[in-house]
Amino acid sequence: MAEKQLEQIAAELVGRAMRAGASAADVVVREADEFSTVLRLGKIESLKEAASKALGLRVLVGSRSATSFSSDFSAASLARLVERTVAMAKVTSEDPASGLAPAELLGRYEGDLAIFSPDVAELTTDERIQFARRAEEAALSADPRIRNSEGAWFEASWGTKAYANSLGFVGSYRTSYCAVSVAPIAQNGGMQRDYWYSVARRAAALEEPEAVGRKAAERALRKLHARKVSTCRVPVVFDPETARSLGGNIFEAVRGDAIYRSASFLAGKLGQSVAGENITVLDDGLRPGGFGSRPFDDEGVPASVTPVIEKGVLRSYLLNSYTARKLDLKTTGNASRGVAGPPSVGPKNFYLAAGQDSPEEIIRSVKNGFYVTDLIGFGVNIVTGDYSRGASGLWIENGELTYPVEEVTIAGKLPEMLKGIEALGSDLEFRSALAAPTLLVGGLTVAGT
């Protein structure tokens, strides 16, 4: 469907809900096409092409609310959807924080965010399959020790999202996405698996599949003959992939729902120093081509840039209108919503700002430490800040990567880790809505033998 058709469906459903007794309502409508394929050792294991459409309705009756969703856009189905959702809203508990975003905050960013490219949809099925095939062939031919593969993937999606509410806001935007990845297996007195990938809004912006395959092979090969190390307290360098997960921990700690529940170690810390002066964290909804960029959030609030931490000082939490009311603050435009359920709080493009040092310079600055390339498990407590993750990577001796390490655990406290980031790399790269450069954290416990 055209964008205007989806907008019309959303607006008409809002009107139906209001006529049925709602005091306020909003609707999100999504339509998307998806493609994915998996190859292993040159043979196609799965191939999927799918088209989908769905909508979600939120109804408010005073301070009571209810949500429902459907993939059936027929008039009879939508009439039942409205009737049942209004009836549900009338019997739910009152919640004074429920409601739409304030009317004066509604709008959209009018510039081009470069979040849609037609070339993703224009790729033929064979071209998409060849992305995966070329990546796997490059990995398998990179070194005789690459003897197997867990497979190679190519996936793509493109679609439209429309939003309308009873305050008169109606808008829509299109997005696209594509990615290629491969996971080779290295064997030489042991077996190790690793992966690499490329992801972009435009097919033309993807890395060459051969480069992805060679990088995946290098990552698998460097893990061969891994060993444990004795338990020690040393500097730890997180590569960008693992540093991104640390950024995700910070995001979880500044989410409005965690804050109003006092379920975050950063609750009550606005205006206070929570990290080193070298740390700046931003949530940027205006980044061209960003995976979290969009002209407005899922409540119709325009995209913006939110400074979360500035030179170590906590400046803002991330909020939708509900959590903003709970905290007596203003929404930061971080409402995120699928078609089911009310809006939650999600990132725009949430990232730690890059530093001046190259990754190589950071590694050279470490006499004895651990370079982390993989994190395992979920041992992070956002309430207390306790941090414990299984890890693997490479040991650093005299500023050089020496031998692979596995089956160890990194332990520390997030508040101390934020203040203990001694260096940030210049290698910031956006591969999702969360991003971080190489990070050097001083004095973490690496638990091994």
Protein backbone atom coordinates (compact mmCIF):
# COMPACT_ATOMS: atom_id res chain seq x y z
CA MET A 1 0.00 0.00 0.00
CA ALA A 2 1.06 3.61 -0.48
CA GLU A 3 2.00 5.64 2.57
CA LYS A 4 -1.16 7.75 2.25
CA GLN A 5 -3.32 4.62 2.29
CA LEU A 6 -1.76 3.47 5.57
CA GLU A 7 -2.18 6.95 7.03
CA GLN A 8 -5.84 6.91 5.99
CA ILE A 9 -6.40 3.51 7.61
CA ALA A 10 -4.80 4.75 10.84
CA ALA A 11 -6.77 8.01 10.91
CA GLU A 12 -10.08 6.32 10.13
CA LEU A 13 -9.56 3.75 12.90
CA VAL A 14 -8.83 6.55 15.38
CA GLY A 15 -12.09 8.20 14.31
CA ARG A 16 -14.02 4.95 14.82
CA ALA A 17 -12.60 4.57 18.32
CA MET A 18 -13.58 8.12 19.24
CA ARG A 19 -17.11 7.61 17.95
CA ALA A 20 -17.31 4.38 19.97
CA GLY A 21 -16.69 6.17 23.26
CA ALA A 22 -12.95 6.61 23.59
CA SER A 23 -11.70 9.87 25.07
CA ALA A 24 -8.40 9.46 23.19
CA ALA A 25 -6.88 6.92 20.80
CA ASP A 26 -3.92 6.23 18.59
CA VAL A 27 -3.09 3.70 15.91
CA VAL A 28 0.11 2.35 14.39
CA VAL A 29 -0.02 0.54 11.03
CA ARG A 30 2.88 -1.42 9.57
CA GLU A 31 3.35 -3.06 6.20
CA ALA A 32 6.59 -4.86 5.31
CA ASP A 33 8.25 -7.24 2.89
CA GLU A 34 10.99 -9.54 4.19
CA PHE A 35 13.53 -11.85 2.63
CA SER A 36 16.02 -14.22 4.24
CA THR A 37 18.18 -17.09 3.10
CA VAL A 38 20.64 -19.41 4.83
CA LEU A 39 23.33 -21.34 2.96
CA ARG A 40 25.69 -23.92 4.41
CA LEU A 41 28.62 -25.31 2.44
CA GLY A 42 27.16 -23.83 -0.70
CA LYS A 43 23.72 -25.39 -0.39
CA ILE A 44 20.58 -23.43 0.40
CA GLU A 45 19.11 -24.58 3.71
CA SER A 46 16.27 -22.08 3.91
CA LEU A 47 14.71 -19.40 1.78
CA LYS A 48 11.91 -17.13 2.94
CA GLU A 49 10.01 -14.32 1.30
CA ALA A 50 7.10 -12.86 3.21
CA ALA A 51 4.77 -9.88 3.10
CA SER A 52 2.95 -8.75 6.21
CA LYS A 53 0.65 -6.04 7.42
CA ALA A 54 -0.71 -5.35 10.89
CA LEU A 55 -2.08 -2.56 13.01
CA GLY A 56 -2.29 -1.79 16.70
CA LEU A 57 -4.99 0.25 18.40
CA ARG A 58 -4.68 1.96 21.77
CA VAL A 59 -7.83 3.33 23.36
CA LEU A 60 -8.11 5.57 26.42
CA VAL A 61 -11.28 6.10 28.38
CA GLY A 62 -10.31 8.74 30.90
CA SER A 63 -7.20 7.36 32.60
CA ARG A 64 -8.02 3.78 31.68
CA SER A 65 -6.44 2.23 28.62
CA ALA A 66 -6.32 -0.93 26.53
CA THR A 67 -4.51 -2.08 23.40
CA SER A 68 -5.23 -4.64 20.71
CA PHE A 69 -3.89 -5.57 17.30
CA SER A 70 -4.97 -7.25 14.07
CA SER A 71 -3.70 -8.26 10.66
CA ASP A 72 -7.22 -8.27 9.22
CA PHE A 73 -8.02 -4.86 7.73
CA SER A 74 -11.59 -5.67 6.68
CA ALA A 75 -14.32 -3.29 7.83
CA ALA A 76 -16.05 -5.96 9.92
CA SER A 77 -12.83 -6.97 11.66
CA LEU A 78 -11.87 -3.38 12.47
CA ALA A 79 -15.37 -2.69 13.82
CA ARG A 80 -15.03 -5.65 16.21
CA LEU A 81 -11.51 -4.53 17.15
CA VAL A 82 -12.74 -1.08 18.15
CA GLU A 83 -15.73 -2.40 20.07
CA ARG A 84 -13.68 -4.91 22.07
CA THR A 85 -10.82 -2.51 22.79
CA VAL A 86 -13.13 0.23 24.08
CA ALA A 87 -14.91 -2.36 26.24
CA MET A 88 -11.57 -3.56 27.66
CA ALA A 89 -10.46 -0.02 28.42
CA LYS A 90 -13.60 0.65 30.46
CA VAL A 91 -12.81 -2.19 32.89
CA THR A 92 -9.05 -1.72 33.32
CA SER A 93 -7.53 0.04 36.32
CA GLU A 94 -7.10 3.79 36.28
CA ASP A 95 -3.58 5.09 35.72
CA PRO A 96 -3.15 8.88 35.82
CA ALA A 97 0.09 8.60 33.81
CA SER A 98 -1.70 7.07 30.81
CA GLY A 99 -2.32 9.25 27.80
CA LEU A 100 -1.07 10.48 24.48
CA ALA A 101 1.94 12.72 24.10
CA PRO A 102 1.11 16.40 24.72
CA ALA A 103 -0.34 18.04 21.61
CA GLU A 104 2.21 20.86 21.66
CA LEU A 105 5.07 18.35 21.31
CA LEU A 106 3.74 16.59 18.22
CA GLY A 107 5.41 16.95 14.84
CA ARG A 108 8.02 15.41 12.56
CA TYR A 109 11.53 16.04 11.31
CA GLU A 110 11.20 17.12 7.68
CA GLY A 111 14.74 16.43 6.47
CA ASP A 112 15.95 13.30 4.68
CA LEU A 113 17.23 10.79 7.23
CA ALA A 114 18.34 8.33 4.52
CA ILE A 115 16.54 5.42 6.18
CA PHE A 116 15.00 4.04 2.99
CA SER A 117 16.63 2.96 -0.25
CA PRO A 118 14.77 1.29 -3.14
CA ASP A 119 17.84 -0.74 -4.09
CA VAL A 120 17.14 -3.18 -1.25
CA ALA A 121 13.83 -4.22 -2.79
CA GLU A 122 15.26 -4.13 -6.32
CA LEU A 123 17.81 -6.91 -5.69
CA THR A 124 16.82 -10.13 -7.41
CA THR A 125 16.48 -13.34 -5.44
CA ASP A 126 19.61 -14.69 -7.08
CA GLU A 127 21.58 -11.55 -6.18
CA ARG A 128 20.55 -11.91 -2.55
CA ILE A 129 21.55 -15.56 -2.47
CA GLN A 130 24.88 -14.70 -4.07
CA PHE A 131 25.70 -12.28 -1.24
CA ALA A 132 25.59 -15.20 1.21
CA ARG A 133 27.31 -17.61 -1.17
CA ARG A 134 30.21 -15.25 -1.88
CA ALA A 135 30.73 -14.55 1.83
CA GLU A 136 30.90 -18.25 2.70
CA GLU A 137 33.18 -19.09 -0.24
CA ALA A 138 35.59 -16.33 0.80
CA ALA A 139 35.66 -17.60 4.37
CA LEU A 140 36.25 -21.23 3.36
CA SER A 141 39.04 -20.32 0.96
CA ALA A 142 40.81 -17.91 3.33
CA ASP A 143 42.91 -20.58 5.07
CA PRO A 144 43.24 -24.40 5.00
CA ARG A 145 42.29 -24.46 8.67
CA ILE A 146 38.79 -23.19 7.84
CA ARG A 147 37.24 -26.58 7.24
CA ASN A 148 33.56 -26.11 7.97
CA SER A 149 30.83 -23.55 8.26
CA GLU A 150 27.76 -22.95 10.37
CA GLY A 151 26.32 -21.12 7.41
CA ALA A 152 26.00 -17.77 5.70
CA TRP A 153 22.98 -15.49 5.79
CA PHE A 154 21.48 -12.70 3.76
CA GLU A 155 18.40 -10.88 4.94
CA ALA A 156 16.53 -7.81 3.82
CA SER A 157 13.36 -5.93 4.68
CA TRP A 158 11.58 -2.82 3.49
CA GLY A 159 8.29 -1.33 4.55
CA THR A 160 6.18 1.54 5.80
CA LYS A 161 4.98 2.61 9.21
CA ALA A 162 2.09 5.01 9.76
CA TYR A 163 0.86 6.59 12.98
CA ALA A 164 -2.23 8.65 13.83
CA ASN A 165 -3.81 9.88 17.03
CA SER A 166 -6.92 11.72 18.18
CA LEU A 167 -4.99 14.96 18.65
CA GLY A 168 -4.83 15.32 14.88
CA PHE A 169 -1.38 13.91 14.18
CA VAL A 170 -1.03 11.71 11.09
CA GLY A 171 2.32 10.68 9.62
CA SER A 172 4.28 7.87 8.00
CA TYR A 173 7.75 6.94 6.84
CA ARG A 174 9.53 4.16 4.94
CA THR A 175 12.55 2.14 6.02
CA SER A 176 14.83 -0.47 4.49
CA TYR A 177 17.50 -2.79 5.83
CA CYS A 178 19.83 -5.49 4.53
CA ALA A 179 22.61 -7.62 6.02
CA VAL A 180 25.06 -10.37 5.08
CA SER A 181 26.89 -12.58 7.59
CA VAL A 182 28.87 -15.81 7.79
CA ALA A 183 30.05 -18.09 10.61
CA PRO A 184 33.07 -20.25 9.63
CA ILE A 185 34.62 -23.00 11.77
CA ALA A 186 38.40 -23.29 12.17
CA GLN A 187 40.02 -26.64 13.03
CA ASN A 188 43.61 -27.27 14.07
CA GLY A 189 44.10 -29.29 17.24
CA GLY A 190 40.71 -27.99 18.30
CA MET A 191 37.69 -26.31 16.86
CA GLN A 192 36.62 -22.66 17.03
CA ARG A 193 33.73 -20.78 15.49
CA ASP A 194 33.32 -17.05 14.91
CA TYR A 195 31.37 -14.77 12.61
CA TRP A 196 31.32 -11.41 10.88
CA TYR A 197 28.65 -9.36 9.18
CA SER A 198 27.80 -6.18 7.32
CA VAL A 199 24.53 -4.29 7.72
CA ALA A 200 23.18 -1.18 6.00
CA ARG A 201 20.08 0.75 5.01
CA ARG A 202 21.22 0.57 1.34
CA ALA A 203 22.33 -2.51 -0.53
CA ALA A 204 25.06 -0.42 -2.16
CA ALA A 205 26.49 0.39 1.28
CA LEU A 206 27.10 -3.23 2.29
CA GLU A 207 30.69 -4.37 2.54
CA GLU A 208 31.79 -6.71 -0.22
CA PRO A 209 30.77 -10.26 0.78
CA GLU A 210 34.36 -11.44 0.21
CA ALA A 211 35.60 -8.92 2.80
CA VAL A 212 32.98 -10.15 5.28
CA GLY A 213 34.04 -13.75 4.70
CA ARG A 214 37.74 -13.05 5.16
CA LYS A 215 37.11 -11.08 8.35
CA ALA A 216 34.99 -13.92 9.74
CA ALA A 217 37.77 -16.41 8.94
CA GLU A 218 40.39 -14.23 10.66
CA ARG A 219 38.23 -14.00 13.75
CA ALA A 220 37.77 -17.79 13.89
CA LEU A 221 41.47 -18.53 13.29
CA ARG A 222 42.69 -16.24 16.04
CA LYS A 223 40.67 -18.23 18.58
CA LEU A 224 42.50 -21.52 17.92
CA HIS A 225 44.46 -22.99 20.84
CA ALA A 226 42.70 -20.77 23.36
CA ARG A 227 43.58 -21.18 27.02
CA LYS A 228 42.45 -20.02 30.41
CA VAL A 229 44.40 -17.55 32.50
CA SER A 230 44.90 -17.32 36.23
CA THR A 231 42.48 -15.09 38.09
CA CYS A 232 43.81 -11.54 38.17
CA ARG A 233 42.83 -7.89 38.19
CA VAL A 234 43.93 -6.19 34.97
CA PRO A 235 42.91 -3.54 32.44
CA VAL A 236 40.26 -4.82 30.03
CA VAL A 237 39.86 -3.62 26.45
CA PHE A 238 36.41 -4.15 24.93
CA ASP A 239 36.30 -4.30 21.12
CA PRO A 240 33.44 -2.33 19.49
CA GLU A 241 31.11 -5.34 19.39
CA THR A 242 31.46 -6.05 23.12
CA ALA A 243 31.66 -2.35 24.02
CA ARG A 244 28.25 -2.00 22.37
CA SER A 245 26.80 -4.38 24.96
CA LEU A 246 28.23 -2.16 27.69
CA GLY A 247 26.45 0.74 26.00
CA GLY A 248 23.30 -1.35 26.13
CA ASN A 249 23.74 -1.69 29.90
CA ILE A 250 23.93 2.11 30.17
CA PHE A 251 20.77 2.43 28.06
CA GLU A 252 18.89 0.01 30.33
CA ALA A 253 20.00 2.09 33.33
CA VAL A 254 18.64 5.38 31.91
CA ARG A 255 15.31 4.03 30.64
CA GLY A 256 12.44 5.91 32.23
CA ASP A 257 10.64 2.76 33.38
CA ALA A 258 13.72 1.59 35.28
CA ILE A 259 14.08 5.05 36.83
CA TYR A 260 10.53 5.55 38.10
CA ARG A 261 10.59 2.06 39.59
CA SER A 262 13.94 2.85 41.30
CA ALA A 263 15.28 -0.22 39.50
CA SER A 264 18.49 1.40 38.24
CA PHE A 265 21.79 2.33 39.83
CA LEU A 266 21.40 5.71 38.06
CA ALA A 267 18.02 6.57 39.65
CA GLY A 268 18.14 9.96 41.33
CA LYS A 269 21.49 10.85 39.75
CA LEU A 270 20.48 13.62 37.31
CA GLY A 271 23.05 16.40 37.35
CA GLN A 272 25.61 14.23 39.11
CA SER A 273 28.92 12.89 37.88
CA VAL A 274 28.41 9.22 36.98
CA ALA A 275 31.35 8.65 34.61
CA GLY A 276 34.76 10.00 33.77
CA GLU A 277 35.02 13.45 32.18
CA ASN A 278 36.06 11.74 28.93
CA ILE A 279 32.63 10.09 28.60
CA THR A 280 29.81 11.54 26.51
CA VAL A 281 26.75 9.47 25.64
CA LEU A 282 24.21 10.67 23.08
CA ASP A 283 20.89 9.39 21.79
CA ASP A 284 20.65 10.76 18.26
CA GLY A 285 17.45 10.30 16.28
CA LEU A 286 18.70 12.48 13.42
CA ARG A 287 21.73 10.48 12.32
CA PRO A 288 21.51 9.91 8.53
CA GLY A 289 21.13 6.21 7.79
CA GLY A 290 21.00 5.34 11.48
CA PHE A 291 19.20 2.17 12.47
CA GLY A 292 17.33 4.10 15.17
CA SER A 293 16.68 7.21 13.06
CA ARG A 294 13.09 8.16 12.26
CA PRO A 295 11.21 11.42 11.64
CA PHE A 296 9.02 10.93 14.74
CA ASP A 297 8.70 8.42 17.53
CA ASP A 298 5.79 6.06 18.09
CA GLU A 299 3.78 8.78 19.83
CA GLY A 300 4.30 11.40 17.12
CA VAL A 301 7.10 13.33 18.84
CA PRO A 302 9.74 14.66 16.38
CA ALA A 303 13.19 13.11 16.22
CA SER A 304 15.87 14.91 18.22
CA VAL A 305 19.28 14.51 19.81
CA THR A 306 19.32 13.87 23.57
CA PRO A 307 22.58 14.33 25.50
CA VAL A 308 22.43 11.55 28.11
CA ILE A 309 25.86 11.93 29.68
CA GLU A 310 28.01 15.01 29.02
CA LYS A 311 31.63 14.90 30.15
CA GLY A 312 30.69 12.40 32.81
CA VAL A 313 27.59 14.20 34.11
CA LEU A 314 24.17 12.54 33.77
CA ARG A 315 22.01 15.07 31.90
CA SER A 316 18.89 13.14 30.91
CA TYR A 317 16.96 9.94 31.22
CA LEU A 318 15.27 8.51 28.11
CA LEU A 319 11.50 8.80 28.25
CA ASN A 320 8.23 8.28 26.46
CA SER A 321 5.20 10.27 27.56
CA TYR A 322 4.12 7.69 30.16
CA THR A 323 7.46 7.51 31.97
CA ALA A 324 7.81 11.29 31.64
CA ARG A 325 4.55 11.77 33.54
CA LYS A 326 5.65 9.26 36.15
CA LEU A 327 8.81 11.31 36.74
CA ASP A 328 7.24 14.76 36.20
CA LEU A 329 9.58 15.32 33.26
CA LYS A 330 9.23 15.87 29.50
CA THR A 331 9.32 13.05 26.95
CA THR A 332 12.60 12.73 25.05
CA GLY A 333 10.87 11.21 22.01
CA ASN A 334 11.88 7.64 22.82
CA ALA A 335 8.48 5.98 22.48
CA SER A 336 8.91 2.62 20.75
CA ARG A 337 5.99 0.45 19.76
CA GLY A 338 5.19 -2.58 17.69
CA VAL A 339 1.61 -3.31 16.84
CA ALA A 340 0.95 -5.13 20.13
CA GLY A 341 0.93 -3.37 23.47
CA PRO A 342 1.46 0.23 24.55
CA PRO A 343 4.60 2.25 23.76
CA SER A 344 7.76 1.30 25.64
CA VAL A 345 11.07 3.19 25.84
CA GLY A 346 13.56 2.39 23.07
CA PRO A 347 16.82 3.86 21.82
CA LYS A 348 17.17 6.16 18.85
CA ASN A 349 20.88 5.91 17.94
CA PHE A 350 22.36 5.48 21.41
CA TYR A 351 26.14 5.63 21.53
CA LEU A 352 29.29 6.49 23.43
CA ALA A 353 31.10 9.26 21.58
CA ALA A 354 34.42 8.27 20.01
CA GLY A 355 37.81 9.24 21.38
CA GLN A 356 41.07 10.16 19.67
CA ASP A 357 43.07 6.94 20.01
CA SER A 358 43.15 4.15 17.45
CA PRO A 359 42.41 0.62 18.73
CA GLU A 360 46.07 -0.25 18.11
CA GLU A 361 47.22 2.68 20.27
CA ILE A 362 44.90 1.61 23.07
CA ILE A 363 46.22 -1.95 22.98
CA ARG A 364 49.83 -0.71 22.94
CA SER A 365 49.14 1.26 26.11
CA VAL A 366 48.38 -1.94 28.07
CA LYS A 367 51.30 -3.84 29.59
CA ASN A 368 49.25 -6.80 30.80
CA GLY A 369 45.53 -7.13 30.15
CA PHE A 370 42.61 -8.72 28.34
CA TYR A 371 41.18 -7.80 24.92
CA VAL A 372 37.55 -8.97 24.86
CA THR A 373 35.93 -10.08 21.61
CA ASP A 374 32.99 -12.15 22.90
CA LEU A 375 30.69 -11.87 25.91
CA ILE A 376 28.51 -14.72 27.16
CA GLY A 377 25.55 -14.79 29.52
CA PHE A 378 23.44 -12.09 31.13
CA GLY A 379 25.09 -11.48 34.49
CA VAL A 380 24.37 -7.76 34.73
CA ASN A 381 22.18 -6.34 37.50
CA ILE A 382 21.00 -2.86 36.50
CA VAL A 383 19.54 -2.27 39.97
CA THR A 384 22.80 -2.76 41.86
CA GLY A 385 25.27 -2.29 39.02
CA ASP A 386 26.86 -5.71 39.58
CA TYR A 387 28.58 -6.88 36.38
CA SER A 388 29.67 -10.45 35.63
CA ARG A 389 29.94 -11.85 32.10
CA GLY A 390 31.58 -14.90 30.61
CA ALA A 391 34.14 -13.81 28.03
CA SER A 392 36.72 -14.83 25.45
CA GLY A 393 39.29 -12.86 23.53
CA LEU A 394 43.04 -12.30 23.37
CA TRP A 395 45.63 -11.67 26.06
CA ILE A 396 47.69 -8.51 25.90
CA GLU A 397 51.35 -8.58 26.90
CA ASN A 398 53.63 -5.56 26.54
CA GLY A 399 51.15 -3.84 24.27
CA GLU A 400 50.67 -6.75 21.87
CA LEU A 401 47.94 -9.33 21.33
CA THR A 402 49.61 -12.65 22.18
CA TYR A 403 47.36 -15.71 22.63
CA PRO A 404 43.63 -16.47 22.66
CA VAL A 405 41.76 -16.79 25.95
CA GLU A 406 38.44 -18.49 26.68
CA GLU A 407 36.29 -19.70 29.58
CA VAL A 408 36.93 -16.73 31.83
CA THR A 409 34.62 -14.30 33.58
CA ILE A 410 34.88 -10.51 33.79
CA ALA A 411 33.55 -9.02 37.01
CA GLY A 412 33.13 -5.51 38.29
CA LYS A 413 30.60 -2.80 39.17
CA LEU A 414 29.01 -0.70 36.46
CA PRO A 415 29.29 2.58 38.43
CA GLU A 416 33.02 1.96 38.87
CA MET A 417 33.42 0.81 35.27
CA LEU A 418 31.86 4.02 33.94
CA LYS A 419 34.30 6.06 35.98
CA GLY A 420 37.14 3.74 35.07
CA ILE A 421 36.99 4.08 31.27
CA GLU A 422 40.53 5.27 30.59
CA ALA A 423 40.44 5.46 26.79
CA LEU A 424 37.94 5.49 23.94
CA GLY A 425 38.82 4.45 20.42
CA SER A 426 38.34 6.43 17.23
CA ASP A 427 36.61 3.41 15.63
CA LEU A 428 32.97 4.21 16.33
CA GLU A 429 30.79 2.41 13.78
CA PHE A 430 27.02 2.09 13.71
CA ARG A 431 25.81 -1.47 13.13
CA SER A 432 22.58 -1.18 15.15
CA ALA A 433 20.72 1.38 17.23
CA LEU A 434 23.43 0.88 19.90
CA ALA A 435 27.08 1.68 19.23
CA ALA A 436 30.39 2.22 21.01
CA PRO A 437 34.06 2.44 20.05
CA THR A 438 36.87 0.34 21.53
CA LEU A 439 36.95 0.96 25.31
CA LEU A 440 39.74 0.52 27.86
CA VAL A 441 38.43 -0.07 31.38
CA GLY A 442 41.04 -0.13 34.11
CA GLY A 443 41.11 -2.73 36.87
CA LEU A 444 38.50 -5.43 36.30
CA THR A 445 38.67 -8.92 37.73
CA VAL A 446 39.27 -11.63 35.14
CA ALA A 447 38.37 -14.92 36.82
CA GLY A 448 39.97 -18.02 35.32
CA THR A 449 41.92 -20.86 36.88
